[in-house]
Amino acid sequence: AMSLFLSRAVGPKGRVLSYEIRDDHHNLAKKNYRHWRAAW
């Protein structure tokens, strides 16, 4: 959730580094981000 809002805030010339210690959370965050981008 936060990754998506940060992505929009920094824009195409910005960068977000998102660290996660749990593999399942890491994969879910990436999946939700990819799905939103693809649909957009």
PDB file of all heavy atoms in Angstrom:
ATOM      1  N   ALA A   1       0.825  -1.212   0.000  1.00  0.00           N
ATOM      2  CA  ALA A   1       0.000   0.000   0.000  1.00  0.00           C
ATOM      3  C   ALA A   1       0.859   1.262   0.000  1.00  0.00           C
ATOM      4  O   ALA A   1       0.714   2.137  -0.871  1.00  0.00           O
ATOM      5  CB  ALA A   1      -0.942  -0.001   1.197  1.00  0.00           C
ATOM      6  N   MET A   2       1.756   1.380   0.958  1.00  0.00           N
ATOM      7  CA  MET A   2       2.618   2.552   1.028  1.00  0.00           C
ATOM      8  C   MET A   2       3.493   2.668  -0.219  1.00  0.00           C
ATOM      9  O   MET A   2       3.726   3.771  -0.735  1.00  0.00           O
ATOM     10  CB  MET A   2       3.488   2.479   2.288  1.00  0.00           C
ATOM     11  CG  MET A   2       4.490   3.618   2.434  1.00  0.00           C
ATOM     12  SD  MET A   2       3.723   5.232   2.685  1.00  0.00           S
ATOM     13  CE  MET A   2       3.261   5.088   4.408  1.00  0.00           C
ATOM     14  N   SER A   3       3.965   1.534  -0.728  1.00  0.00           N
ATOM     15  CA  SER A   3       4.815   1.541  -1.921  1.00  0.00           C
ATOM     16  C   SER A   3       4.104   2.196  -3.091  1.00  0.00           C
ATOM     17  O   SER A   3       4.704   2.977  -3.849  1.00  0.00           O
ATOM     18  CB  SER A   3       5.214   0.107  -2.294  1.00  0.00           C
ATOM     19  OG  SER A   3       5.768  -0.589  -1.212  1.00  0.00           O
ATOM     20  N   LEU A   4       2.829   1.895  -3.275  1.00  0.00           N
ATOM     21  CA  LEU A   4       2.061   2.452  -4.384  1.00  0.00           C
ATOM     22  C   LEU A   4       1.893   3.968  -4.249  1.00  0.00           C
ATOM     23  O   LEU A   4       2.059   4.717  -5.215  1.00  0.00           O
ATOM     24  CB  LEU A   4       0.699   1.773  -4.472  1.00  0.00           C
ATOM     25  CG  LEU A   4       0.693   0.412  -5.154  1.00  0.00           C
ATOM     26  CD1 LEU A   4      -0.560  -0.382  -4.788  1.00  0.00           C
ATOM     27  CD2 LEU A   4       0.782   0.576  -6.669  1.00  0.00           C
ATOM     28  N   PHE A   5       1.557   4.432  -3.058  1.00  0.00           N
ATOM     29  CA  PHE A   5       1.380   5.872  -2.866  1.00  0.00           C
ATOM     30  C   PHE A   5       2.714   6.614  -2.987  1.00  0.00           C
ATOM     31  O   PHE A   5       2.766   7.719  -3.534  1.00  0.00           O
ATOM     32  CB  PHE A   5       0.737   6.153  -1.511  1.00  0.00           C
ATOM     33  CG  PHE A   5      -0.754   5.977  -1.507  1.00  0.00           C
ATOM     34  CD1 PHE A   5      -1.334   4.785  -1.093  1.00  0.00           C
ATOM     35  CD2 PHE A   5      -1.586   7.001  -1.933  1.00  0.00           C
ATOM     36  CE1 PHE A   5      -2.713   4.620  -1.098  1.00  0.00           C
ATOM     37  CE2 PHE A   5      -2.965   6.847  -1.938  1.00  0.00           C
ATOM     38  CZ  PHE A   5      -3.538   5.650  -1.523  1.00  0.00           C
ATOM     39  N   LEU A   6       3.796   6.013  -2.489  1.00  0.00           N
ATOM     40  CA  LEU A   6       5.112   6.627  -2.648  1.00  0.00           C
ATOM     41  C   LEU A   6       5.509   6.675  -4.117  1.00  0.00           C
ATOM     42  O   LEU A   6       6.088   7.661  -4.585  1.00  0.00           O
ATOM     43  CB  LEU A   6       6.160   5.839  -1.851  1.00  0.00           C
ATOM     44  CG  LEU A   6       6.110   5.971  -0.330  1.00  0.00           C
ATOM     45  CD1 LEU A   6       7.088   4.997   0.312  1.00  0.00           C
ATOM     46  CD2 LEU A   6       6.436   7.396   0.109  1.00  0.00           C
ATOM     47  N   SER A   7       5.193   5.616  -4.845  1.00  0.00           N
ATOM     48  CA  SER A   7       5.500   5.556  -6.273  1.00  0.00           C
ATOM     49  C   SER A   7       4.867   6.729  -7.016  1.00  0.00           C
ATOM     50  O   SER A   7       5.499   7.385  -7.847  1.00  0.00           O
ATOM     51  CB  SER A   7       5.009   4.230  -6.856  1.00  0.00           C
ATOM     52  OG  SER A   7       5.137   4.196  -8.259  1.00  0.00           O
ATOM     53  N   ARG A   8       3.600   7.005  -6.709  1.00  0.00           N
ATOM     54  CA  ARG A   8       2.918   8.124  -7.357  1.00  0.00           C
ATOM     55  C   ARG A   8       3.505   9.462  -6.920  1.00  0.00           C
ATOM     56  O   ARG A   8       3.642  10.383  -7.735  1.00  0.00           O
ATOM     57  CB  ARG A   8       1.423   8.080  -7.045  1.00  0.00           C
ATOM     58  CG  ARG A   8       0.635   9.193  -7.735  1.00  0.00           C
ATOM     59  CD  ARG A   8      -0.851   8.963  -7.681  1.00  0.00           C
ATOM     60  NE  ARG A   8      -1.396   9.055  -6.331  1.00  0.00           N
ATOM     61  CZ  ARG A   8      -2.688   8.900  -6.040  1.00  0.00           C
ATOM     62  NH1 ARG A   8      -3.547   8.630  -7.011  1.00  0.00           N
ATOM     63  NH2 ARG A   8      -3.114   9.002  -4.804  1.00  0.00           N
ATOM     64  N   ALA A   9       3.884   9.570  -5.646  1.00  0.00           N
ATOM     65  CA  ALA A   9       4.371  10.848  -5.119  1.00  0.00           C
ATOM     66  C   ALA A   9       5.719  11.244  -5.717  1.00  0.00           C
ATOM     67  O   ALA A   9       5.942  12.423  -6.035  1.00  0.00           O
ATOM     68  CB  ALA A   9       4.470  10.778  -3.590  1.00  0.00           C
ATOM     69  N   VAL A  10       6.633  10.289  -5.878  1.00  0.00           N
ATOM     70  CA  VAL A  10       7.976  10.631  -6.389  1.00  0.00           C
ATOM     71  C   VAL A  10       8.005  10.712  -7.911  1.00  0.00           C
ATOM     72  O   VAL A  10       8.913  11.314  -8.485  1.00  0.00           O
ATOM     73  CB  VAL A  10       9.050   9.636  -5.896  1.00  0.00           C
ATOM     74  CG1 VAL A  10       9.061   9.582  -4.377  1.00  0.00           C
ATOM     75  CG2 VAL A  10       8.851   8.236  -6.490  1.00  0.00           C
ATOM     76  N   GLY A  11       7.037  10.102  -8.582  1.00  0.00           N
ATOM     77  CA  GLY A  11       6.924  10.230 -10.029  1.00  0.00           C
ATOM     78  C   GLY A  11       7.972   9.442 -10.793  1.00  0.00           C
ATOM     79  O   GLY A  11       8.816   8.743 -10.219  1.00  0.00           O
ATOM     80  N   PRO A  12       7.945   9.561 -12.121  1.00  0.00           N
ATOM     81  CA  PRO A  12       8.838   8.758 -12.968  1.00  0.00           C
ATOM     82  C   PRO A  12      10.318   9.077 -12.793  1.00  0.00           C
ATOM     83  O   PRO A  12      11.170   8.242 -13.114  1.00  0.00           O
ATOM     84  CB  PRO A  12       8.371   9.084 -14.393  1.00  0.00           C
ATOM     85  CG  PRO A  12       7.611  10.362 -14.283  1.00  0.00           C
ATOM     86  CD  PRO A  12       7.003  10.368 -12.911  1.00  0.00           C
ATOM     87  N   LYS A  13      10.647  10.262 -12.291  1.00  0.00           N
ATOM     88  CA  LYS A  13      12.055  10.608 -12.086  1.00  0.00           C
ATOM     89  C   LYS A  13      12.524  10.304 -10.665  1.00  0.00           C
ATOM     90  O   LYS A  13      13.697  10.513 -10.350  1.00  0.00           O
ATOM     91  CB  LYS A  13      12.279  12.088 -12.408  1.00  0.00           C
ATOM     92  CG  LYS A  13      12.054  12.426 -13.881  1.00  0.00           C
ATOM     93  CD  LYS A  13      12.372  13.889 -14.164  1.00  0.00           C
ATOM     94  CE  LYS A  13      12.166  14.211 -15.639  1.00  0.00           C
ATOM     95  NZ  LYS A  13      12.470  15.638 -15.943  1.00  0.00           N
ATOM     96  N   GLY A  14      11.621   9.826  -9.816  1.00  0.00           N
ATOM     97  CA  GLY A  14      11.975   9.490  -8.445  1.00  0.00           C
ATOM     98  C   GLY A  14      12.233   8.012  -8.274  1.00  0.00           C
ATOM     99  O   GLY A  14      12.139   7.225  -9.219  1.00  0.00           O
ATOM    100  N   ARG A  15      12.530   7.625  -7.037  1.00  0.00           N
ATOM    101  CA  ARG A  15      12.870   6.231  -6.746  1.00  0.00           C
ATOM    102  C   ARG A  15      12.409   5.877  -5.345  1.00  0.00           C
ATOM    103  O   ARG A  15      12.560   6.670  -4.416  1.00  0.00           O
ATOM    104  CB  ARG A  15      14.392   6.036  -6.862  1.00  0.00           C
ATOM    105  CG  ARG A  15      14.880   4.612  -6.659  1.00  0.00           C
ATOM    106  CD  ARG A  15      16.388   4.579  -6.684  1.00  0.00           C
ATOM    107  NE  ARG A  15      16.926   3.232  -6.487  1.00  0.00           N
ATOM    108  CZ  ARG A  15      18.179   2.973  -6.125  1.00  0.00           C
ATOM    109  NH1 ARG A  15      19.028   3.975  -5.925  1.00  0.00           N
ATOM    110  NH2 ARG A  15      18.590   1.727  -5.962  1.00  0.00           N
ATOM    111  N   VAL A  16      11.849   4.683  -5.217  1.00  0.00           N
ATOM    112  CA  VAL A  16      11.436   4.151  -3.921  1.00  0.00           C
ATOM    113  C   VAL A  16      12.180   2.848  -3.672  1.00  0.00           C
ATOM    114  O   VAL A  16      12.167   1.945  -4.524  1.00  0.00           O
ATOM    115  CB  VAL A  16       9.911   3.894  -3.868  1.00  0.00           C
ATOM    116  CG1 VAL A  16       9.519   3.303  -2.507  1.00  0.00           C
ATOM    117  CG2 VAL A  16       9.132   5.177  -4.140  1.00  0.00           C
ATOM    118  N   LEU A  17      12.839   2.760  -2.529  1.00  0.00           N
ATOM    119  CA  LEU A  17      13.497   1.520  -2.108  1.00  0.00           C
ATOM    120  C   LEU A  17      12.652   0.919  -1.000  1.00  0.00           C
ATOM    121  O   LEU A  17      12.491   1.523   0.059  1.00  0.00           O
ATOM    122  CB  LEU A  17      14.911   1.800  -1.593  1.00  0.00           C
ATOM    123  CG  LEU A  17      15.874   2.467  -2.579  1.00  0.00           C
ATOM    124  CD1 LEU A  17      17.156   2.865  -1.873  1.00  0.00           C
ATOM    125  CD2 LEU A  17      16.169   1.524  -3.730  1.00  0.00           C
ATOM    126  N   SER A  18      12.093  -0.260  -1.245  1.00  0.00           N
ATOM    127  CA  SER A  18      11.175  -0.878  -0.290  1.00  0.00           C
ATOM    128  C   SER A  18      11.776  -2.177   0.237  1.00  0.00           C
ATOM    129  O   SER A  18      11.866  -3.171  -0.486  1.00  0.00           O
ATOM    130  CB  SER A  18       9.822  -1.150  -0.967  1.00  0.00           C
ATOM    131  OG  SER A  18       8.902  -1.691  -0.038  1.00  0.00           O
ATOM    132  N   TYR A  19      12.171  -2.168   1.504  1.00  0.00           N
ATOM    133  CA  TYR A  19      12.794  -3.337   2.135  1.00  0.00           C
ATOM    134  C   TYR A  19      11.747  -4.136   2.911  1.00  0.00           C
ATOM    135  O   TYR A  19      10.894  -3.570   3.597  1.00  0.00           O
ATOM    136  CB  TYR A  19      13.905  -2.895   3.087  1.00  0.00           C
ATOM    137  CG  TYR A  19      15.225  -2.612   2.413  1.00  0.00           C
ATOM    138  CD1 TYR A  19      15.405  -1.462   1.654  1.00  0.00           C
ATOM    139  CD2 TYR A  19      16.295  -3.488   2.520  1.00  0.00           C
ATOM    140  CE1 TYR A  19      16.615  -1.191   1.019  1.00  0.00           C
ATOM    141  CE2 TYR A  19      17.508  -3.236   1.901  1.00  0.00           C
ATOM    142  CZ  TYR A  19      17.658  -2.080   1.151  1.00  0.00           C
ATOM    143  OH  TYR A  19      18.850  -1.829   0.533  1.00  0.00           O
ATOM    144  N   GLU A  20      11.848  -5.453   2.809  1.00  0.00           N
ATOM    145  CA  GLU A  20      10.942  -6.354   3.521  1.00  0.00           C
ATOM    146  C   GLU A  20      11.720  -7.595   3.948  1.00  0.00           C
ATOM    147  O   GLU A  20      12.478  -8.167   3.156  1.00  0.00           O
ATOM    148  CB  GLU A  20       9.767  -6.735   2.622  1.00  0.00           C
ATOM    149  CG  GLU A  20       8.827  -7.792   3.195  1.00  0.00           C
ATOM    150  CD  GLU A  20       8.206  -7.381   4.529  1.00  0.00           C
ATOM    151  OE1 GLU A  20       7.569  -6.317   4.586  1.00  0.00           O
ATOM    152  OE2 GLU A  20       8.384  -8.149   5.512  1.00  0.00           O
ATOM    153  N   ILE A  21      11.507  -8.018   5.190  1.00  0.00           N
ATOM    154  CA  ILE A  21      12.248  -9.163   5.719  1.00  0.00           C
ATOM    155  C   ILE A  21      11.559 -10.491   5.431  1.00  0.00           C
ATOM    156  O   ILE A  21      12.199 -11.529   5.336  1.00  0.00           O
ATOM    157  CB  ILE A  21      12.480  -8.984   7.237  1.00  0.00           C
ATOM    158  CG1 ILE A  21      13.478 -10.011   7.765  1.00  0.00           C
ATOM    159  CG2 ILE A  21      11.158  -9.053   8.005  1.00  0.00           C
ATOM    160  CD1 ILE A  21      13.884  -9.768   9.211  1.00  0.00           C
ATOM    161  N   ARG A  22      10.222 -10.468   5.241  1.00  0.00           N
ATOM    162  CA  ARG A  22       9.468 -11.700   5.027  1.00  0.00           C
ATOM    163  C   ARG A  22       9.240 -11.954   3.537  1.00  0.00           C
ATOM    164  O   ARG A  22       8.780 -11.070   2.801  1.00  0.00           O
ATOM    165  CB  ARG A  22       8.125 -11.630   5.755  1.00  0.00           C
ATOM    166  CG  ARG A  22       8.244 -11.787   7.250  1.00  0.00           C
ATOM    167  CD  ARG A  22       6.893 -11.875   7.922  1.00  0.00           C
ATOM    168  NE  ARG A  22       5.999 -12.846   7.315  1.00  0.00           N
ATOM    169  CZ  ARG A  22       4.890 -13.298   7.892  1.00  0.00           C
ATOM    170  NH1 ARG A  22       4.566 -12.862   9.100  1.00  0.00           N
ATOM    171  NH2 ARG A  22       4.113 -14.164   7.278  1.00  0.00           N
ATOM    172  N   ASP A  23       9.533 -13.158   3.120  1.00  0.00           N
ATOM    173  CA  ASP A  23       9.418 -13.519   1.715  1.00  0.00           C
ATOM    174  C   ASP A  23       7.981 -13.427   1.214  1.00  0.00           C
ATOM    175  O   ASP A  23       7.733 -12.937   0.100  1.00  0.00           O
ATOM    176  CB  ASP A  23       9.955 -14.949   1.515  1.00  0.00           C
ATOM    177  CG  ASP A  23       9.934 -15.377   0.063  1.00  0.00           C
ATOM    178  OD1 ASP A  23      10.755 -14.866  -0.710  1.00  0.00           O
ATOM    179  OD2 ASP A  23       9.068 -16.206  -0.308  1.00  0.00           O
ATOM    180  N   ASP A  24       7.002 -13.874   2.007  1.00  0.00           N
ATOM    181  CA  ASP A  24       5.610 -13.848   1.550  1.00  0.00           C
ATOM    182  C   ASP A  24       5.104 -12.420   1.397  1.00  0.00           C
ATOM    183  O   ASP A  24       4.398 -12.093   0.436  1.00  0.00           O
ATOM    184  CB  ASP A  24       4.707 -14.650   2.489  1.00  0.00           C
ATOM    185  CG  ASP A  24       4.832 -14.243   3.953  1.00  0.00           C
ATOM    186  OD1 ASP A  24       5.831 -13.591   4.317  1.00  0.00           O
ATOM    187  OD2 ASP A  24       3.924 -14.586   4.743  1.00  0.00           O
ATOM    188  N   HIS A  25       5.467 -11.532   2.321  1.00  0.00           N
ATOM    189  CA  HIS A  25       5.062 -10.133   2.214  1.00  0.00           C
ATOM    190  C   HIS A  25       5.747  -9.466   1.023  1.00  0.00           C
ATOM    191  O   HIS A  25       5.120  -8.690   0.292  1.00  0.00           O
ATOM    192  CB  HIS A  25       5.401  -9.380   3.496  1.00  0.00           C
ATOM    193  CG  HIS A  25       4.623  -9.846   4.687  1.00  0.00           C
ATOM    194  ND1 HIS A  25       4.829  -9.335   5.960  1.00  0.00           N
ATOM    195  CD2 HIS A  25       3.641 -10.772   4.807  1.00  0.00           C
ATOM    196  CE1 HIS A  25       3.992  -9.937   6.803  1.00  0.00           C
ATOM    197  NE2 HIS A  25       3.274 -10.813   6.128  1.00  0.00           N
ATOM    198  N   HIS A  26       7.011  -9.760   0.840  1.00  0.00           N
ATOM    199  CA  HIS A  26       7.782  -9.218  -0.281  1.00  0.00           C
ATOM    200  C   HIS A  26       7.128  -9.568  -1.617  1.00  0.00           C
ATOM    201  O   HIS A  26       6.930  -8.700  -2.482  1.00  0.00           O
ATOM    202  CB  HIS A  26       9.206  -9.773  -0.212  1.00  0.00           C
ATOM    203  CG  HIS A  26      10.054  -9.525  -1.414  1.00  0.00           C
ATOM    204  ND1 HIS A  26      10.633  -8.314  -1.684  1.00  0.00           N
ATOM    205  CD2 HIS A  26      10.416 -10.364  -2.427  1.00  0.00           C
ATOM    206  CE1 HIS A  26      11.327  -8.401  -2.813  1.00  0.00           C
ATOM    207  NE2 HIS A  26      11.218  -9.624  -3.283  1.00  0.00           N
ATOM    208  N   ASN A  27       6.761 -10.836  -1.781  1.00  0.00           N
ATOM    209  CA  ASN A  27       6.155 -11.286  -3.036  1.00  0.00           C
ATOM    210  C   ASN A  27       4.767 -10.682  -3.243  1.00  0.00           C
ATOM    211  O   ASN A  27       4.387 -10.339  -4.370  1.00  0.00           O
ATOM    212  CB  ASN A  27       6.078 -12.812  -3.073  1.00  0.00           C
ATOM    213  CG  ASN A  27       7.443 -13.460  -3.208  1.00  0.00           C
ATOM    214  OD1 ASN A  27       8.351 -12.885  -3.813  1.00  0.00           O
ATOM    215  ND2 ASN A  27       7.618 -14.636  -2.638  1.00  0.00           N
ATOM    216  N   LEU A  28       3.994 -10.561  -2.165  1.00  0.00           N
ATOM    217  CA  LEU A  28       2.650 -10.002  -2.287  1.00  0.00           C
ATOM    218  C   LEU A  28       2.712  -8.519  -2.660  1.00  0.00           C
ATOM    219  O   LEU A  28       1.936  -8.052  -3.503  1.00  0.00           O
ATOM    220  CB  LEU A  28       1.879 -10.181  -0.980  1.00  0.00           C
ATOM    221  CG  LEU A  28       0.450  -9.633  -0.968  1.00  0.00           C
ATOM    222  CD1 LEU A  28      -0.405 -10.292  -2.047  1.00  0.00           C
ATOM    223  CD2 LEU A  28      -0.198  -9.839   0.403  1.00  0.00           C
ATOM    224  N   ALA A  29       3.626  -7.781  -2.044  1.00  0.00           N
ATOM    225  CA  ALA A  29       3.758  -6.359  -2.361  1.00  0.00           C
ATOM    226  C   ALA A  29       4.128  -6.169  -3.827  1.00  0.00           C
ATOM    227  O   ALA A  29       3.567  -5.308  -4.522  1.00  0.00           O
ATOM    228  CB  ALA A  29       4.808  -5.715  -1.452  1.00  0.00           C
ATOM    229  N   LYS A  30       5.067  -6.969  -4.305  1.00  0.00           N
ATOM    230  CA  LYS A  30       5.455  -6.879  -5.722  1.00  0.00           C
ATOM    231  C   LYS A  30       4.291  -7.219  -6.640  1.00  0.00           C
ATOM    232  O   LYS A  30       4.075  -6.562  -7.669  1.00  0.00           O
ATOM    233  CB  LYS A  30       6.622  -7.824  -6.009  1.00  0.00           C
ATOM    234  CG  LYS A  30       7.956  -7.379  -5.467  1.00  0.00           C
ATOM    235  CD  LYS A  30       9.114  -8.068  -6.169  1.00  0.00           C
ATOM    236  CE  LYS A  30       9.049  -9.576  -6.043  1.00  0.00           C
ATOM    237  NZ  LYS A  30      10.218 -10.220  -6.688  1.00  0.00           N
ATOM    238  N   LYS A  31       3.525  -8.238  -6.279  1.00  0.00           N
ATOM    239  CA  LYS A  31       2.389  -8.663  -7.101  1.00  0.00           C
ATOM    240  C   LYS A  31       1.318  -7.578  -7.170  1.00  0.00           C
ATOM    241  O   LYS A  31       0.801  -7.267  -8.252  1.00  0.00           O
ATOM    242  CB  LYS A  31       1.799  -9.961  -6.529  1.00  0.00           C
ATOM    243  CG  LYS A  31       0.652 -10.552  -7.340  1.00  0.00           C
ATOM    244  CD  LYS A  31       0.173 -11.849  -6.727  1.00  0.00           C
ATOM    245  CE  LYS A  31      -0.979 -12.447  -7.518  1.00  0.00           C
ATOM    246  NZ  LYS A  31      -1.457 -13.716  -6.903  1.00  0.00           N
ATOM    247  N   ASN A  32       0.977  -6.995  -6.022  1.00  0.00           N
ATOM    248  CA  ASN A  32      -0.040  -5.941  -6.007  1.00  0.00           C
ATOM    249  C   ASN A  32       0.418  -4.715  -6.798  1.00  0.00           C
ATOM    250  O   ASN A  32      -0.379  -4.076  -7.495  1.00  0.00           O
ATOM    251  CB  ASN A  32      -0.369  -5.541  -4.567  1.00  0.00           C
ATOM    252  CG  ASN A  32      -1.250  -6.562  -3.862  1.00  0.00           C
ATOM    253  OD1 ASN A  32      -1.993  -7.306  -4.501  1.00  0.00           O
ATOM    254  ND2 ASN A  32      -1.167  -6.606  -2.544  1.00  0.00           N
ATOM    255  N   TYR A  33       1.695  -4.403  -6.694  1.00  0.00           N
ATOM    256  CA  TYR A  33       2.246  -3.268  -7.449  1.00  0.00           C
ATOM    257  C   TYR A  33       2.196  -3.548  -8.947  1.00  0.00           C
ATOM    258  O   TYR A  33       1.766  -2.682  -9.724  1.00  0.00           O
ATOM    259  CB  TYR A  33       3.684  -3.028  -6.987  1.00  0.00           C
ATOM    260  CG  TYR A  33       4.402  -1.911  -7.713  1.00  0.00           C
ATOM    261  CD1 TYR A  33       4.070  -0.582  -7.495  1.00  0.00           C
ATOM    262  CD2 TYR A  33       5.435  -2.191  -8.605  1.00  0.00           C
ATOM    263  CE1 TYR A  33       4.739   0.443  -8.151  1.00  0.00           C
ATOM    264  CE2 TYR A  33       6.111  -1.175  -9.263  1.00  0.00           C
ATOM    265  CZ  TYR A  33       5.760   0.141  -9.030  1.00  0.00           C
ATOM    266  OH  TYR A  33       6.422   1.148  -9.686  1.00  0.00           O
ATOM    267  N   ARG A  34       2.589  -4.742  -9.367  1.00  0.00           N
ATOM    268  CA  ARG A  34       2.561  -5.092 -10.795  1.00  0.00           C
ATOM    269  C   ARG A  34       1.143  -5.091 -11.340  1.00  0.00           C
ATOM    270  O   ARG A  34       0.894  -4.634 -12.463  1.00  0.00           O
ATOM    271  CB  ARG A  34       3.207  -6.467 -11.013  1.00  0.00           C
ATOM    272  CG  ARG A  34       4.720  -6.500 -10.863  1.00  0.00           C
ATOM    273  CD  ARG A  34       5.295  -7.753 -11.498  1.00  0.00           C
ATOM    274  NE  ARG A  34       4.657  -8.962 -10.994  1.00  0.00           N
ATOM    275  CZ  ARG A  34       5.132  -9.705 -10.011  1.00  0.00           C
ATOM    276  NH1 ARG A  34       6.254  -9.339  -9.404  1.00  0.00           N
ATOM    277  NH2 ARG A  34       4.502 -10.792  -9.609  1.00  0.00           N
ATOM    278  N   HIS A  35       0.204  -5.610 -10.562  1.00  0.00           N
ATOM    279  CA  HIS A  35      -1.188  -5.667 -11.033  1.00  0.00           C
ATOM    280  C   HIS A  35      -1.759  -4.263 -11.241  1.00  0.00           C
ATOM    281  O   HIS A  35      -2.481  -4.020 -12.218  1.00  0.00           O
ATOM    282  CB  HIS A  35      -2.039  -6.445 -10.031  1.00  0.00           C
ATOM    283  CG  HIS A  35      -1.885  -7.931 -10.156  1.00  0.00           C
ATOM    284  ND1 HIS A  35      -2.593  -8.830  -9.385  1.00  0.00           N
ATOM    285  CD2 HIS A  35      -1.106  -8.689 -10.964  1.00  0.00           C
ATOM    286  CE1 HIS A  35      -2.259 -10.064  -9.717  1.00  0.00           C
ATOM    287  NE2 HIS A  35      -1.349 -10.001 -10.669  1.00  0.00           N
ATOM    288  N   TRP A  36      -1.463  -3.361 -10.321  1.00  0.00           N
ATOM    289  CA  TRP A  36      -1.961  -1.985 -10.478  1.00  0.00           C
ATOM    290  C   TRP A  36      -1.338  -1.326 -11.705  1.00  0.00           C
ATOM    291  O   TRP A  36      -2.031  -0.677 -12.487  1.00  0.00           O
ATOM    292  CB  TRP A  36      -1.655  -1.177  -9.224  1.00  0.00           C
ATOM    293  CG  TRP A  36      -2.013   0.274  -9.372  1.00  0.00           C
ATOM    294  CD1 TRP A  36      -1.155   1.325  -9.597  1.00  0.00           C
ATOM    295  CD2 TRP A  36      -3.327   0.854  -9.328  1.00  0.00           C
ATOM    296  NE1 TRP A  36      -1.847   2.505  -9.689  1.00  0.00           N
ATOM    297  CE2 TRP A  36      -3.185   2.243  -9.530  1.00  0.00           C
ATOM    298  CE3 TRP A  36      -4.605   0.325  -9.136  1.00  0.00           C
ATOM    299  CZ2 TRP A  36      -4.263   3.125  -9.543  1.00  0.00           C
ATOM    300  CZ3 TRP A  36      -5.699   1.197  -9.152  1.00  0.00           C
ATOM    301  CH2 TRP A  36      -5.519   2.571  -9.353  1.00  0.00           C
ATOM    302  N   ARG A  37      -0.030  -1.486 -11.880  1.00  0.00           N
ATOM    303  CA  ARG A  37       0.647  -0.878 -13.034  1.00  0.00           C
ATOM    304  C   ARG A  37       0.077  -1.409 -14.347  1.00  0.00           C
ATOM    305  O   ARG A  37      -0.169  -0.639 -15.290  1.00  0.00           O
ATOM    306  CB  ARG A  37       2.144  -1.157 -12.991  1.00  0.00           C
ATOM    307  CG  ARG A  37       2.925  -0.367 -11.951  1.00  0.00           C
ATOM    308  CD  ARG A  37       4.437  -0.445 -12.205  1.00  0.00           C
ATOM    309  NE  ARG A  37       4.791   0.257 -13.416  1.00  0.00           N
ATOM    310  CZ  ARG A  37       5.363  -0.312 -14.471  1.00  0.00           C
ATOM    311  NH1 ARG A  37       5.635  -1.614 -14.476  1.00  0.00           N
ATOM    312  NH2 ARG A  37       5.667   0.412 -15.539  1.00  0.00           N
ATOM    313  N   ALA A  38      -0.115  -2.725 -14.427  1.00  0.00           N
ATOM    314  CA  ALA A  38      -0.609  -3.332 -15.663  1.00  0.00           C
ATOM    315  C   ALA A  38      -2.012  -2.827 -16.001  1.00  0.00           C
ATOM    316  O   ALA A  38      -2.308  -2.498 -17.155  1.00  0.00           O
ATOM    317  CB  ALA A  38      -0.604  -4.846 -15.537  1.00  0.00           C
ATOM    318  N   ALA A  39      -2.877  -2.765 -14.988  1.00  0.00           N
ATOM    319  CA  ALA A  39      -4.244  -2.300 -15.215  1.00  0.00           C
ATOM    320  C   ALA A  39      -4.263  -0.809 -15.574  1.00  0.00           C
ATOM    321  O   ALA A  39      -5.035  -0.373 -16.424  1.00  0.00           O
ATOM    322  CB  ALA A  39      -5.103  -2.557 -13.973  1.00  0.00           C
ATOM    323  N   TRP A  40      -3.404  -0.041 -14.925  1.00  0.00           N
ATOM    324  CA  TRP A  40      -3.340   1.400 -15.188  1.00  0.00           C
ATOM    325  C   TRP A  40      -2.957   1.669 -16.644  1.00  0.00           C
ATOM    326  O   TRP A  40      -3.513   2.547 -17.306  1.00  0.00           O
ATOM    327  CB  TRP A  40      -2.333   2.043 -14.242  1.00  0.00           C
ATOM    328  CG  TRP A  40      -2.171   3.522 -14.424  1.00  0.00           C
ATOM    329  CD1 TRP A  40      -1.331   4.163 -15.287  1.00  0.00           C
ATOM    330  CD2 TRP A  40      -2.882   4.553 -13.723  1.00  0.00           C
ATOM    331  NE1 TRP A  40      -1.459   5.524 -15.168  1.00  0.00           N
ATOM    332  CE2 TRP A  40      -2.405   5.792 -14.215  1.00  0.00           C
ATOM    333  CE3 TRP A  40      -3.858   4.546 -12.718  1.00  0.00           C
ATOM    334  CZ2 TRP A  40      -2.885   7.005 -13.740  1.00  0.00           C
ATOM    335  CZ3 TRP A  40      -4.327   5.759 -12.248  1.00  0.00           C
ATOM    336  CH2 TRP A  40      -3.852   6.972 -12.749  1.00  0.00           C
TER     337      TRP A  40
END
